[in-house]
Amino acid sequence: EDFPMDRFPRRYAAVGDLTDGIDDHPGRIEQLLDWVERDKAAG
């Protein structure tokens, strides 16, 4: 309830876009896929 549409532009103007930079941090998922195989081995 902190973020109704009519008041949100004021927050945006104050804090900016909090997703700025999201494209600068692509990661890798090999460890998660290792967990997939671990789970399979455990049935």
PDB file of all heavy atoms in Angstrom:
ATOM      1  N   GLU A   1       0.801  -1.226   0.000  1.00  0.00           N
ATOM      2  CA  GLU A   1       0.000   0.000   0.000  1.00  0.00           C
ATOM      3  C   GLU A   1       0.832   1.274   0.000  1.00  0.00           C
ATOM      4  O   GLU A   1       0.270   2.379  -0.091  1.00  0.00           O
ATOM      5  CB  GLU A   1      -0.935  -0.003   1.215  1.00  0.00           C
ATOM      6  CG  GLU A   1      -1.971  -1.117   1.209  1.00  0.00           C
ATOM      7  CD  GLU A   1      -1.391  -2.473   1.642  1.00  0.00           C
ATOM      8  OE1 GLU A   1      -0.245  -2.512   2.163  1.00  0.00           O
ATOM      9  OE2 GLU A   1      -2.093  -3.488   1.453  1.00  0.00           O
ATOM     10  N   ASP A   2       2.157   1.132   0.097  1.00  0.00           N
ATOM     11  CA  ASP A   2       3.025   2.319   0.055  1.00  0.00           C
ATOM     12  C   ASP A   2       3.123   2.933  -1.335  1.00  0.00           C
ATOM     13  O   ASP A   2       3.652   4.042  -1.472  1.00  0.00           O
ATOM     14  CB  ASP A   2       4.443   1.953   0.513  1.00  0.00           C
ATOM     15  CG  ASP A   2       4.522   1.575   1.980  1.00  0.00           C
ATOM     16  OD1 ASP A   2       3.610   1.947   2.741  1.00  0.00           O
ATOM     17  OD2 ASP A   2       5.508   0.906   2.360  1.00  0.00           O
ATOM     18  N   PHE A   3       2.629   2.229  -2.367  1.00  0.00           N
ATOM     19  CA  PHE A   3       2.916   2.631  -3.735  1.00  0.00           C
ATOM     20  C   PHE A   3       1.656   2.774  -4.593  1.00  0.00           C
ATOM     21  O   PHE A   3       1.531   2.120  -5.636  1.00  0.00           O
ATOM     22  CB  PHE A   3       3.876   1.623  -4.369  1.00  0.00           C
ATOM     23  CG  PHE A   3       5.112   1.368  -3.561  1.00  0.00           C
ATOM     24  CD1 PHE A   3       5.364   0.115  -3.034  1.00  0.00           C
ATOM     25  CD2 PHE A   3       6.015   2.392  -3.304  1.00  0.00           C
ATOM     26  CE1 PHE A   3       6.503  -0.137  -2.286  1.00  0.00           C
ATOM     27  CE2 PHE A   3       7.158   2.169  -2.543  1.00  0.00           C
ATOM     28  CZ  PHE A   3       7.401   0.901  -2.032  1.00  0.00           C
ATOM     29  N   PRO A   4       0.708   3.646  -4.206  1.00  0.00           N
ATOM     30  CA  PRO A   4      -0.433   3.894  -5.088  1.00  0.00           C
ATOM     31  C   PRO A   4       0.004   4.683  -6.315  1.00  0.00           C
ATOM     32  O   PRO A   4       0.968   5.461  -6.263  1.00  0.00           O
ATOM     33  CB  PRO A   4      -1.389   4.711  -4.208  1.00  0.00           C
ATOM     34  CG  PRO A   4      -0.488   5.415  -3.243  1.00  0.00           C
ATOM     35  CD  PRO A   4       0.645   4.454  -2.970  1.00  0.00           C
ATOM     36  N   MET A   5      -0.697   4.467  -7.411  1.00  0.00           N
ATOM     37  CA  MET A   5      -0.306   5.090  -8.672  1.00  0.00           C
ATOM     38  C   MET A   5      -0.221   6.604  -8.583  1.00  0.00           C
ATOM     39  O   MET A   5       0.719   7.208  -9.128  1.00  0.00           O
ATOM     40  CB  MET A   5      -1.297   4.696  -9.774  1.00  0.00           C
ATOM     41  CG  MET A   5      -0.897   5.205 -11.159  1.00  0.00           C
ATOM     42  SD  MET A   5      -2.238   5.130 -12.370  1.00  0.00           S
ATOM     43  CE  MET A   5      -3.183   6.601 -11.908  1.00  0.00           C
ATOM     44  N   ASP A   6      -1.170   7.235  -7.913  1.00  0.00           N
ATOM     45  CA  ASP A   6      -1.213   8.698  -7.957  1.00  0.00           C
ATOM     46  C   ASP A   6      -0.058   9.344  -7.198  1.00  0.00           C
ATOM     47  O   ASP A   6       0.330  10.476  -7.501  1.00  0.00           O
ATOM     48  CB  ASP A   6      -2.560   9.217  -7.427  1.00  0.00           C
ATOM     49  CG  ASP A   6      -2.833   8.814  -5.984  1.00  0.00           C
ATOM     50  OD1 ASP A   6      -2.247   7.815  -5.512  1.00  0.00           O
ATOM     51  OD2 ASP A   6      -3.651   9.494  -5.334  1.00  0.00           O
ATOM     52  N   ARG A   7       0.539   8.639  -6.234  1.00  0.00           N
ATOM     53  CA  ARG A   7       1.659   9.211  -5.483  1.00  0.00           C
ATOM     54  C   ARG A   7       3.015   8.710  -5.973  1.00  0.00           C
ATOM     55  O   ARG A   7       4.052   9.255  -5.599  1.00  0.00           O
ATOM     56  CB  ARG A   7       1.507   8.881  -3.987  1.00  0.00           C
ATOM     57  CG  ARG A   7       0.258   9.460  -3.326  1.00  0.00           C
ATOM     58  CD  ARG A   7       0.465   9.684  -1.842  1.00  0.00           C
ATOM     59  NE  ARG A   7       0.982   8.500  -1.155  1.00  0.00           N
ATOM     60  CZ  ARG A   7       0.226   7.589  -0.537  1.00  0.00           C
ATOM     61  NH1 ARG A   7      -1.093   7.714  -0.552  1.00  0.00           N
ATOM     62  NH2 ARG A   7       0.773   6.560   0.076  1.00  0.00           N
ATOM     63  N   PHE A   8       3.022   7.695  -6.815  1.00  0.00           N
ATOM     64  CA  PHE A   8       4.291   7.066  -7.161  1.00  0.00           C
ATOM     65  C   PHE A   8       5.235   7.974  -7.951  1.00  0.00           C
ATOM     66  O   PHE A   8       6.455   7.893  -7.754  1.00  0.00           O
ATOM     67  CB  PHE A   8       4.060   5.760  -7.925  1.00  0.00           C
ATOM     68  CG  PHE A   8       5.289   4.906  -7.979  1.00  0.00           C
ATOM     69  CD1 PHE A   8       5.572   4.029  -6.953  1.00  0.00           C
ATOM     70  CD2 PHE A   8       6.184   5.004  -9.036  1.00  0.00           C
ATOM     71  CE1 PHE A   8       6.726   3.256  -6.974  1.00  0.00           C
ATOM     72  CE2 PHE A   8       7.336   4.238  -9.075  1.00  0.00           C
ATOM     73  CZ  PHE A   8       7.608   3.360  -8.031  1.00  0.00           C
ATOM     74  N   PRO A   9       4.750   8.845  -8.846  1.00  0.00           N
ATOM     75  CA  PRO A   9       5.707   9.711  -9.560  1.00  0.00           C
ATOM     76  C   PRO A   9       6.599  10.526  -8.638  1.00  0.00           C
ATOM     77  O   PRO A   9       7.755  10.820  -8.985  1.00  0.00           O
ATOM     78  CB  PRO A   9       4.802  10.600 -10.417  1.00  0.00           C
ATOM     79  CG  PRO A   9       3.623   9.718 -10.708  1.00  0.00           C
ATOM     80  CD  PRO A   9       3.384   8.986  -9.412  1.00  0.00           C
ATOM     81  N   ARG A  10       6.109  10.883  -7.462  1.00  0.00           N
ATOM     82  CA  ARG A  10       6.947  11.625  -6.516  1.00  0.00           C
ATOM     83  C   ARG A  10       8.095  10.743  -6.007  1.00  0.00           C
ATOM     84  O   ARG A  10       9.230  11.211  -5.866  1.00  0.00           O
ATOM     85  CB  ARG A  10       6.100  12.145  -5.355  1.00  0.00           C
ATOM     86  CG  ARG A  10       5.127  13.242  -5.749  1.00  0.00           C
ATOM     87  CD  ARG A  10       4.622  14.017  -4.548  1.00  0.00           C
ATOM     88  NE  ARG A  10       3.778  13.216  -3.671  1.00  0.00           N
ATOM     89  CZ  ARG A  10       2.471  13.046  -3.821  1.00  0.00           C
ATOM     90  NH1 ARG A  10       1.842  13.618  -4.853  1.00  0.00           N
ATOM     91  NH2 ARG A  10       1.778  12.326  -2.974  1.00  0.00           N
ATOM     92  N   ARG A  11       7.780   9.481  -5.733  1.00  0.00           N
ATOM     93  CA  ARG A  11       8.851   8.566  -5.315  1.00  0.00           C
ATOM     94  C   ARG A  11       9.857   8.389  -6.451  1.00  0.00           C
ATOM     95  O   ARG A  11      11.073   8.423  -6.216  1.00  0.00           O
ATOM     96  CB  ARG A  11       8.270   7.218  -4.910  1.00  0.00           C
ATOM     97  CG  ARG A  11       9.339   6.132  -4.708  1.00  0.00           C
ATOM     98  CD  ARG A  11       8.719   4.793  -4.317  1.00  0.00           C
ATOM     99  NE  ARG A  11       9.672   3.701  -4.455  1.00  0.00           N
ATOM    100  CZ  ARG A  11      10.574   3.343  -3.537  1.00  0.00           C
ATOM    101  NH1 ARG A  11      10.654   4.021  -2.409  1.00  0.00           N
ATOM    102  NH2 ARG A  11      11.381   2.308  -3.744  1.00  0.00           N
ATOM    103  N   TYR A  12       9.358   8.194  -7.653  1.00  0.00           N
ATOM    104  CA  TYR A  12      10.246   7.972  -8.802  1.00  0.00           C
ATOM    105  C   TYR A  12      11.170   9.175  -9.000  1.00  0.00           C
ATOM    106  O   TYR A  12      12.369   9.020  -9.260  1.00  0.00           O
ATOM    107  CB  TYR A  12       9.409   7.718 -10.046  1.00  0.00           C
ATOM    108  CG  TYR A  12      10.200   7.276 -11.256  1.00  0.00           C
ATOM    109  CD1 TYR A  12      10.453   5.938 -11.499  1.00  0.00           C
ATOM    110  CD2 TYR A  12      10.691   8.211 -12.169  1.00  0.00           C
ATOM    111  CE1 TYR A  12      11.173   5.518 -12.616  1.00  0.00           C
ATOM    112  CE2 TYR A  12      11.407   7.814 -13.291  1.00  0.00           C
ATOM    113  CZ  TYR A  12      11.645   6.469 -13.506  1.00  0.00           C
ATOM    114  OH  TYR A  12      12.363   6.072 -14.607  1.00  0.00           O
ATOM    115  N   ALA A  13      10.618  10.368  -8.857  1.00  0.00           N
ATOM    116  CA  ALA A  13      11.435  11.571  -9.018  1.00  0.00           C
ATOM    117  C   ALA A  13      12.498  11.657  -7.927  1.00  0.00           C
ATOM    118  O   ALA A  13      13.603  12.164  -8.155  1.00  0.00           O
ATOM    119  CB  ALA A  13      10.546  12.812  -8.990  1.00  0.00           C
ATOM    120  N   ALA A  14      12.184  11.135  -6.738  1.00  0.00           N
ATOM    121  CA  ALA A  14      13.104  11.225  -5.609  1.00  0.00           C
ATOM    122  C   ALA A  14      14.206  10.165  -5.661  1.00  0.00           C
ATOM    123  O   ALA A  14      15.376  10.454  -5.384  1.00  0.00           O
ATOM    124  CB  ALA A  14      12.336  11.112  -4.294  1.00  0.00           C
ATOM    125  N   VAL A  15      13.853   8.915  -6.009  1.00  0.00           N
ATOM    126  CA  VAL A  15      14.828   7.821  -5.934  1.00  0.00           C
ATOM    127  C   VAL A  15      15.335   7.379  -7.292  1.00  0.00           C
ATOM    128  O   VAL A  15      16.322   6.644  -7.388  1.00  0.00           O
ATOM    129  CB  VAL A  15      14.243   6.604  -5.177  1.00  0.00           C
ATOM    130  CG1 VAL A  15      13.752   7.010  -3.804  1.00  0.00           C
ATOM    131  CG2 VAL A  15      13.129   5.921  -5.979  1.00  0.00           C
ATOM    132  N   GLY A  16      14.659   7.801  -8.366  1.00  0.00           N
ATOM    133  CA  GLY A  16      15.051   7.386  -9.709  1.00  0.00           C
ATOM    134  C   GLY A  16      14.578   5.981 -10.027  1.00  0.00           C
ATOM    135  O   GLY A  16      13.795   5.366  -9.291  1.00  0.00           O
ATOM    136  N   ASP A  17      15.065   5.470 -11.117  1.00  0.00           N
ATOM    137  CA  ASP A  17      14.702   4.122 -11.552  1.00  0.00           C
ATOM    138  C   ASP A  17      15.585   3.113 -10.819  1.00  0.00           C
ATOM    139  O   ASP A  17      16.781   3.008 -11.095  1.00  0.00           O
ATOM    140  CB  ASP A  17      14.878   4.004 -13.072  1.00  0.00           C
ATOM    141  CG  ASP A  17      14.687   2.573 -13.549  1.00  0.00           C
ATOM    142  OD1 ASP A  17      14.020   1.786 -12.837  1.00  0.00           O
ATOM    143  OD2 ASP A  17      15.205   2.240 -14.629  1.00  0.00           O
ATOM    144  N   LEU A  18      14.999   2.358  -9.917  1.00  0.00           N
ATOM    145  CA  LEU A  18      15.769   1.403  -9.116  1.00  0.00           C
ATOM    146  C   LEU A  18      16.125   0.141  -9.890  1.00  0.00           C
ATOM    147  O   LEU A  18      16.770  -0.754  -9.338  1.00  0.00           O
ATOM    148  CB  LEU A  18      15.001   1.050  -7.843  1.00  0.00           C
ATOM    149  CG  LEU A  18      14.810   2.199  -6.851  1.00  0.00           C
ATOM    150  CD1 LEU A  18      14.082   1.706  -5.602  1.00  0.00           C
ATOM    151  CD2 LEU A  18      16.136   2.840  -6.477  1.00  0.00           C
ATOM    152  N   THR A  19      15.716   0.044 -11.149  1.00  0.00           N
ATOM    153  CA  THR A  19      16.179  -1.063 -11.984  1.00  0.00           C
ATOM    154  C   THR A  19      17.362  -0.647 -12.867  1.00  0.00           C
ATOM    155  O   THR A  19      17.879  -1.474 -13.626  1.00  0.00           O
ATOM    156  CB  THR A  19      15.056  -1.614 -12.886  1.00  0.00           C
ATOM    157  OG1 THR A  19      14.699  -0.636 -13.872  1.00  0.00           O
ATOM    158  CG2 THR A  19      13.828  -1.984 -12.073  1.00  0.00           C
ATOM    159  N   ASP A  20      17.791   0.592 -12.757  1.00  0.00           N
ATOM    160  CA  ASP A  20      18.947   1.056 -13.528  1.00  0.00           C
ATOM    161  C   ASP A  20      20.169   0.226 -13.146  1.00  0.00           C
ATOM    162  O   ASP A  20      20.517   0.128 -11.963  1.00  0.00           O
ATOM    163  CB  ASP A  20      19.202   2.535 -13.244  1.00  0.00           C
ATOM    164  CG  ASP A  20      20.258   3.124 -14.160  1.00  0.00           C
ATOM    165  OD1 ASP A  20      20.651   2.458 -15.135  1.00  0.00           O
ATOM    166  OD2 ASP A  20      20.693   4.262 -13.880  1.00  0.00           O
ATOM    167  N   GLY A  21      20.796  -0.391 -14.123  1.00  0.00           N
ATOM    168  CA  GLY A  21      21.950  -1.238 -13.869  1.00  0.00           C
ATOM    169  C   GLY A  21      21.657  -2.724 -13.924  1.00  0.00           C
ATOM    170  O   GLY A  21      22.584  -3.543 -13.895  1.00  0.00           O
ATOM    171  N   ILE A  22      20.384  -3.092 -14.036  1.00  0.00           N
ATOM    172  CA  ILE A  22      20.038  -4.510 -14.023  1.00  0.00           C
ATOM    173  C   ILE A  22      20.679  -5.272 -15.182  1.00  0.00           C
ATOM    174  O   ILE A  22      21.053  -6.444 -15.042  1.00  0.00           O
ATOM    175  CB  ILE A  22      18.501  -4.699 -14.029  1.00  0.00           C
ATOM    176  CG1 ILE A  22      18.128  -6.161 -13.772  1.00  0.00           C
ATOM    177  CG2 ILE A  22      17.873  -4.180 -15.312  1.00  0.00           C
ATOM    178  CD1 ILE A  22      16.640  -6.383 -13.578  1.00  0.00           C
ATOM    179  N   ASP A  23      20.847  -4.614 -16.313  1.00  0.00           N
ATOM    180  CA  ASP A  23      21.426  -5.293 -17.475  1.00  0.00           C
ATOM    181  C   ASP A  23      22.947  -5.430 -17.393  1.00  0.00           C
ATOM    182  O   ASP A  23      23.549  -6.090 -18.243  1.00  0.00           O
ATOM    183  CB  ASP A  23      21.052  -4.555 -18.764  1.00  0.00           C
ATOM    184  CG  ASP A  23      19.561  -4.606 -19.042  1.00  0.00           C
ATOM    185  OD1 ASP A  23      18.973  -5.687 -18.889  1.00  0.00           O
ATOM    186  OD2 ASP A  23      18.986  -3.562 -19.403  1.00  0.00           O
ATOM    187  N   ASP A  24      23.541  -4.832 -16.368  1.00  0.00           N
ATOM    188  CA  ASP A  24      24.998  -4.859 -16.241  1.00  0.00           C
ATOM    189  C   ASP A  24      25.498  -6.041 -15.423  1.00  0.00           C
ATOM    190  O   ASP A  24      26.711  -6.177 -15.221  1.00  0.00           O
ATOM    191  CB  ASP A  24      25.489  -3.565 -15.582  1.00  0.00           C
ATOM    192  CG  ASP A  24      25.119  -2.324 -16.376  1.00  0.00           C
ATOM    193  OD1 ASP A  24      24.964  -2.437 -17.611  1.00  0.00           O
ATOM    194  OD2 ASP A  24      24.955  -1.244 -15.763  1.00  0.00           O
ATOM    195  N   HIS A  25      24.581  -6.882 -14.950  1.00  0.00           N
ATOM    196  CA  HIS A  25      24.981  -7.968 -14.049  1.00  0.00           C
ATOM    197  C   HIS A  25      24.439  -9.318 -14.490  1.00  0.00           C
ATOM    198  O   HIS A  25      23.813 -10.030 -13.698  1.00  0.00           O
ATOM    199  CB  HIS A  25      24.502  -7.654 -12.627  1.00  0.00           C
ATOM    200  CG  HIS A  25      25.067  -6.393 -12.057  1.00  0.00           C
ATOM    201  ND1 HIS A  25      26.314  -6.332 -11.471  1.00  0.00           N
ATOM    202  CD2 HIS A  25      24.555  -5.139 -12.000  1.00  0.00           C
ATOM    203  CE1 HIS A  25      26.545  -5.088 -11.066  1.00  0.00           C
ATOM    204  NE2 HIS A  25      25.503  -4.344 -11.371  1.00  0.00           N
ATOM    205  N   PRO A  26      24.679  -9.744 -15.741  1.00  0.00           N
ATOM    206  CA  PRO A  26      24.216 -11.083 -16.130  1.00  0.00           C
ATOM    207  C   PRO A  26      25.054 -12.160 -15.449  1.00  0.00           C
ATOM    208  O   PRO A  26      26.282 -12.061 -15.387  1.00  0.00           O
ATOM    209  CB  PRO A  26      24.409 -11.087 -17.653  1.00  0.00           C
ATOM    210  CG  PRO A  26      25.546 -10.134 -17.887  1.00  0.00           C
ATOM    211  CD  PRO A  26      25.403  -9.064 -16.838  1.00  0.00           C
ATOM    212  N   GLY A  27      24.373 -13.173 -14.926  1.00  0.00           N
ATOM    213  CA  GLY A  27      25.072 -14.235 -14.225  1.00  0.00           C
ATOM    214  C   GLY A  27      24.998 -15.557 -14.965  1.00  0.00           C
ATOM    215  O   GLY A  27      24.457 -15.648 -16.072  1.00  0.00           O
ATOM    216  N   ARG A  28      25.509 -16.590 -14.327  1.00  0.00           N
ATOM    217  CA  ARG A  28      25.533 -17.927 -14.904  1.00  0.00           C
ATOM    218  C   ARG A  28      24.818 -18.892 -13.953  1.00  0.00           C
ATOM    219  O   ARG A  28      24.784 -18.666 -12.744  1.00  0.00           O
ATOM    220  CB  ARG A  28      26.974 -18.368 -15.160  1.00  0.00           C
ATOM    221  CG  ARG A  28      27.744 -17.396 -16.062  1.00  0.00           C
ATOM    222  CD  ARG A  28      29.061 -17.979 -16.527  1.00  0.00           C
ATOM    223  NE  ARG A  28      28.847 -19.162 -17.366  1.00  0.00           N
ATOM    224  CZ  ARG A  28      28.550 -19.119 -18.671  1.00  0.00           C
ATOM    225  NH1 ARG A  28      28.434 -17.948 -19.303  1.00  0.00           N
ATOM    226  NH2 ARG A  28      28.391 -20.234 -19.358  1.00  0.00           N
ATOM    227  N   ILE A  29      24.272 -19.961 -14.513  1.00  0.00           N
ATOM    228  CA  ILE A  29      23.416 -20.835 -13.717  1.00  0.00           C
ATOM    229  C   ILE A  29      23.948 -22.264 -13.631  1.00  0.00           C
ATOM    230  O   ILE A  29      23.186 -23.179 -13.308  1.00  0.00           O
ATOM    231  CB  ILE A  29      21.972 -20.843 -14.267  1.00  0.00           C
ATOM    232  CG1 ILE A  29      21.912 -21.398 -15.699  1.00  0.00           C
ATOM    233  CG2 ILE A  29      21.377 -19.443 -14.208  1.00  0.00           C
ATOM    234  CD1 ILE A  29      20.481 -21.624 -16.193  1.00  0.00           C
ATOM    235  N   GLU A  30      25.235 -22.457 -13.886  1.00  0.00           N
ATOM    236  CA  GLU A  30      25.774 -23.820 -13.817  1.00  0.00           C
ATOM    237  C   GLU A  30      25.526 -24.468 -12.457  1.00  0.00           C
ATOM    238  O   GLU A  30      25.201 -25.656 -12.381  1.00  0.00           O
ATOM    239  CB  GLU A  30      27.273 -23.823 -14.114  1.00  0.00           C
ATOM    240  CG  GLU A  30      27.610 -23.697 -15.593  1.00  0.00           C
ATOM    241  CD  GLU A  30      27.795 -22.266 -16.050  1.00  0.00           C
ATOM    242  OE1 GLU A  30      27.444 -21.357 -15.263  1.00  0.00           O
ATOM    243  OE2 GLU A  30      28.280 -22.057 -17.175  1.00  0.00           O
ATOM    244  N   GLN A  31      25.662 -23.698 -11.363  1.00  0.00           N
ATOM    245  CA  GLN A  31      25.472 -24.316 -10.049  1.00  0.00           C
ATOM    246  C   GLN A  31      24.026 -24.757  -9.857  1.00  0.00           C
ATOM    247  O   GLN A  31      23.762 -25.815  -9.273  1.00  0.00           O
ATOM    248  CB  GLN A  31      25.881 -23.357  -8.924  1.00  0.00           C
ATOM    249  CG  GLN A  31      25.785 -24.029  -7.552  1.00  0.00           C
ATOM    250  CD  GLN A  31      26.536 -23.291  -6.476  1.00  0.00           C
ATOM    251  OE1 GLN A  31      27.321 -22.382  -6.757  1.00  0.00           O
ATOM    252  NE2 GLN A  31      26.327 -23.677  -5.233  1.00  0.00           N
ATOM    253  N   LEU A  32      23.077 -23.978 -10.366  1.00  0.00           N
ATOM    254  CA  LEU A  32      21.677 -24.372 -10.251  1.00  0.00           C
ATOM    255  C   LEU A  32      21.416 -25.638 -11.059  1.00  0.00           C
ATOM    256  O   LEU A  32      20.663 -26.527 -10.629  1.00  0.00           O
ATOM    257  CB  LEU A  32      20.763 -23.241 -10.720  1.00  0.00           C
ATOM    258  CG  LEU A  32      20.940 -21.879 -10.041  1.00  0.00           C
ATOM    259  CD1 LEU A  32      19.825 -20.930 -10.475  1.00  0.00           C
ATOM    260  CD2 LEU A  32      20.962 -22.013  -8.536  1.00  0.00           C
ATOM    261  N   LEU A  33      22.033 -25.748 -12.229  1.00  0.00           N
ATOM    262  CA  LEU A  33      21.868 -26.953 -13.046  1.00  0.00           C
ATOM    263  C   LEU A  33      22.572 -28.145 -12.396  1.00  0.00           C
ATOM    264  O   LEU A  33      22.110 -29.292 -12.541  1.00  0.00           O
ATOM    265  CB  LEU A  33      22.392 -26.701 -14.452  1.00  0.00           C
ATOM    266  CG  LEU A  33      21.616 -25.635 -15.244  1.00  0.00           C
ATOM    267  CD1 LEU A  33      22.266 -25.396 -16.595  1.00  0.00           C
ATOM    268  CD2 LEU A  33      20.149 -26.038 -15.428  1.00  0.00           C
ATOM    269  N   ASP A  34      23.645 -27.887 -11.661  1.00  0.00           N
ATOM    270  CA  ASP A  34      24.258 -28.966 -10.875  1.00  0.00           C
ATOM    271  C   ASP A  34      23.290 -29.451  -9.802  1.00  0.00           C
ATOM    272  O   ASP A  34      23.207 -30.662  -9.521  1.00  0.00           O
ATOM    273  CB  ASP A  34      25.547 -28.481 -10.208  1.00  0.00           C
ATOM    274  CG  ASP A  34      26.704 -28.319 -11.197  1.00  0.00           C
ATOM    275  OD1 ASP A  34      26.606 -28.863 -12.323  1.00  0.00           O
ATOM    276  OD2 ASP A  34      27.688 -27.652 -10.838  1.00  0.00           O
ATOM    277  N   TRP A  35      22.533 -28.534  -9.223  1.00  0.00           N
ATOM    278  CA  TRP A  35      21.530 -28.935  -8.225  1.00  0.00           C
ATOM    279  C   TRP A  35      20.430 -29.777  -8.864  1.00  0.00           C
ATOM    280  O   TRP A  35      19.873 -30.676  -8.228  1.00  0.00           O
ATOM    281  CB  TRP A  35      20.941 -27.696  -7.560  1.00  0.00           C
ATOM    282  CG  TRP A  35      21.883 -27.011  -6.616  1.00  0.00           C
ATOM    283  CD1 TRP A  35      23.102 -27.468  -6.192  1.00  0.00           C
ATOM    284  CD2 TRP A  35      21.696 -25.746  -5.988  1.00  0.00           C
ATOM    285  NE1 TRP A  35      23.676 -26.572  -5.333  1.00  0.00           N
ATOM    286  CE2 TRP A  35      22.844 -25.495  -5.183  1.00  0.00           C
ATOM    287  CE3 TRP A  35      20.686 -24.797  -6.015  1.00  0.00           C
ATOM    288  CZ2 TRP A  35      22.997 -24.340  -4.424  1.00  0.00           C
ATOM    289  CZ3 TRP A  35      20.827 -23.645  -5.253  1.00  0.00           C
ATOM    290  CH2 TRP A  35      21.967 -23.416  -4.472  1.00  0.00           C
ATOM    291  N   VAL A  36      20.082 -29.456 -10.126  1.00  0.00           N
ATOM    292  CA  VAL A  36      19.105 -30.276 -10.845  1.00  0.00           C
ATOM    293  C   VAL A  36      19.593 -31.720 -10.912  1.00  0.00           C
ATOM    294  O   VAL A  36      18.847 -32.677 -10.624  1.00  0.00           O
ATOM    295  CB  VAL A  36      18.852 -29.725 -12.265  1.00  0.00           C
ATOM    296  CG1 VAL A  36      17.996 -30.697 -13.078  1.00  0.00           C
ATOM    297  CG2 VAL A  36      18.181 -28.354 -12.198  1.00  0.00           C
ATOM    298  N   GLU A  37      20.861 -31.907 -11.301  1.00  0.00           N
ATOM    299  CA  GLU A  37      21.419 -33.255 -11.411  1.00  0.00           C
ATOM    300  C   GLU A  37      21.533 -33.924 -10.042  1.00  0.00           C
ATOM    301  O   GLU A  37      21.292 -35.132  -9.910  1.00  0.00           O
ATOM    302  CB  GLU A  37      22.787 -33.200 -12.093  1.00  0.00           C
ATOM    303  CG  GLU A  37      22.724 -32.699 -13.536  1.00  0.00           C
ATOM    304  CD  GLU A  37      21.754 -33.506 -14.388  1.00  0.00           C
ATOM    305  OE1 GLU A  37      21.777 -34.749 -14.287  1.00  0.00           O
ATOM    306  OE2 GLU A  37      20.983 -32.893 -15.150  1.00  0.00           O
ATOM    307  N   ARG A  38      21.895 -33.159  -9.041  1.00  0.00           N
ATOM    308  CA  ARG A  38      21.953 -33.697  -7.681  1.00  0.00           C
ATOM    309  C   ARG A  38      20.583 -34.204  -7.230  1.00  0.00           C
ATOM    310  O   ARG A  38      20.460 -35.290  -6.651  1.00  0.00           O
ATOM    311  CB  ARG A  38      22.449 -32.609  -6.724  1.00  0.00           C
ATOM    312  CG  ARG A  38      22.513 -33.019  -5.257  1.00  0.00           C
ATOM    313  CD  ARG A  38      22.600 -31.800  -4.362  1.00  0.00           C
ATOM    314  NE  ARG A  38      21.413 -30.957  -4.461  1.00  0.00           N
ATOM    315  CZ  ARG A  38      21.278 -29.773  -3.855  1.00  0.00           C
ATOM    316  NH1 ARG A  38      22.289 -29.270  -3.162  1.00  0.00           N
ATOM    317  NH2 ARG A  38      20.164 -29.074  -3.984  1.00  0.00           N
ATOM    318  N   ASP A  39      19.549 -33.400  -7.516  1.00  0.00           N
ATOM    319  CA  ASP A  39      18.194 -33.815  -7.146  1.00  0.00           C
ATOM    320  C   ASP A  39      17.776 -35.076  -7.886  1.00  0.00           C
ATOM    321  O   ASP A  39      17.170 -35.984  -7.307  1.00  0.00           O
ATOM    322  CB  ASP A  39      17.195 -32.678  -7.423  1.00  0.00           C
ATOM    323  CG  ASP A  39      17.351 -31.511  -6.460  1.00  0.00           C
ATOM    324  OD1 ASP A  39      18.041 -31.683  -5.430  1.00  0.00           O
ATOM    325  OD2 ASP A  39      16.785 -30.434  -6.737  1.00  0.00           O
ATOM    326  N   LYS A  40      18.109 -35.136  -9.184  1.00  0.00           N
ATOM    327  CA  LYS A  40      17.787 -36.337  -9.964  1.00  0.00           C
ATOM    328  C   LYS A  40      18.436 -37.572  -9.354  1.00  0.00           C
ATOM    329  O   LYS A  40      17.809 -38.630  -9.226  1.00  0.00           O
ATOM    330  CB  LYS A  40      18.252 -36.175 -11.411  1.00  0.00           C
ATOM    331  CG  LYS A  40      17.423 -35.243 -12.263  1.00  0.00           C
ATOM    332  CD  LYS A  40      17.984 -35.222 -13.683  1.00  0.00           C
ATOM    333  CE  LYS A  40      17.253 -34.265 -14.596  1.00  0.00           C
ATOM    334  NZ  LYS A  40      17.868 -34.239 -15.951  1.00  0.00           N
ATOM    335  N   ALA A  41      19.714 -37.447  -8.976  1.00  0.00           N
ATOM    336  CA  ALA A  41      20.431 -38.582  -8.392  1.00  0.00           C
ATOM    337  C   ALA A  41      19.800 -39.026  -7.078  1.00  0.00           C
ATOM    338  O   ALA A  41      19.885 -40.213  -6.711  1.00  0.00           O
ATOM    339  CB  ALA A  41      21.892 -38.211  -8.177  1.00  0.00           C
ATOM    340  N   ALA A  42      19.152 -38.092  -6.388  1.00  0.00           N
ATOM    341  CA  ALA A  42      18.479 -38.418  -5.128  1.00  0.00           C
ATOM    342  C   ALA A  42      17.031 -38.855  -5.345  1.00  0.00           C
ATOM    343  O   ALA A  42      16.290 -39.038  -4.375  1.00  0.00           O
ATOM    344  CB  ALA A  42      18.535 -37.216  -4.196  1.00  0.00           C
ATOM    345  N   GLY A  43      16.622 -39.006  -6.602  1.00  0.00           N
ATOM    346  CA  GLY A  43      15.272 -39.438  -6.907  1.00  0.00           C
ATOM    347  C   GLY A  43      14.240 -38.328  -6.953  1.00  0.00           C
ATOM    348  O   GLY A  43      13.033 -38.593  -6.965  1.00  0.00           O
TER     349      GLY A  43
END
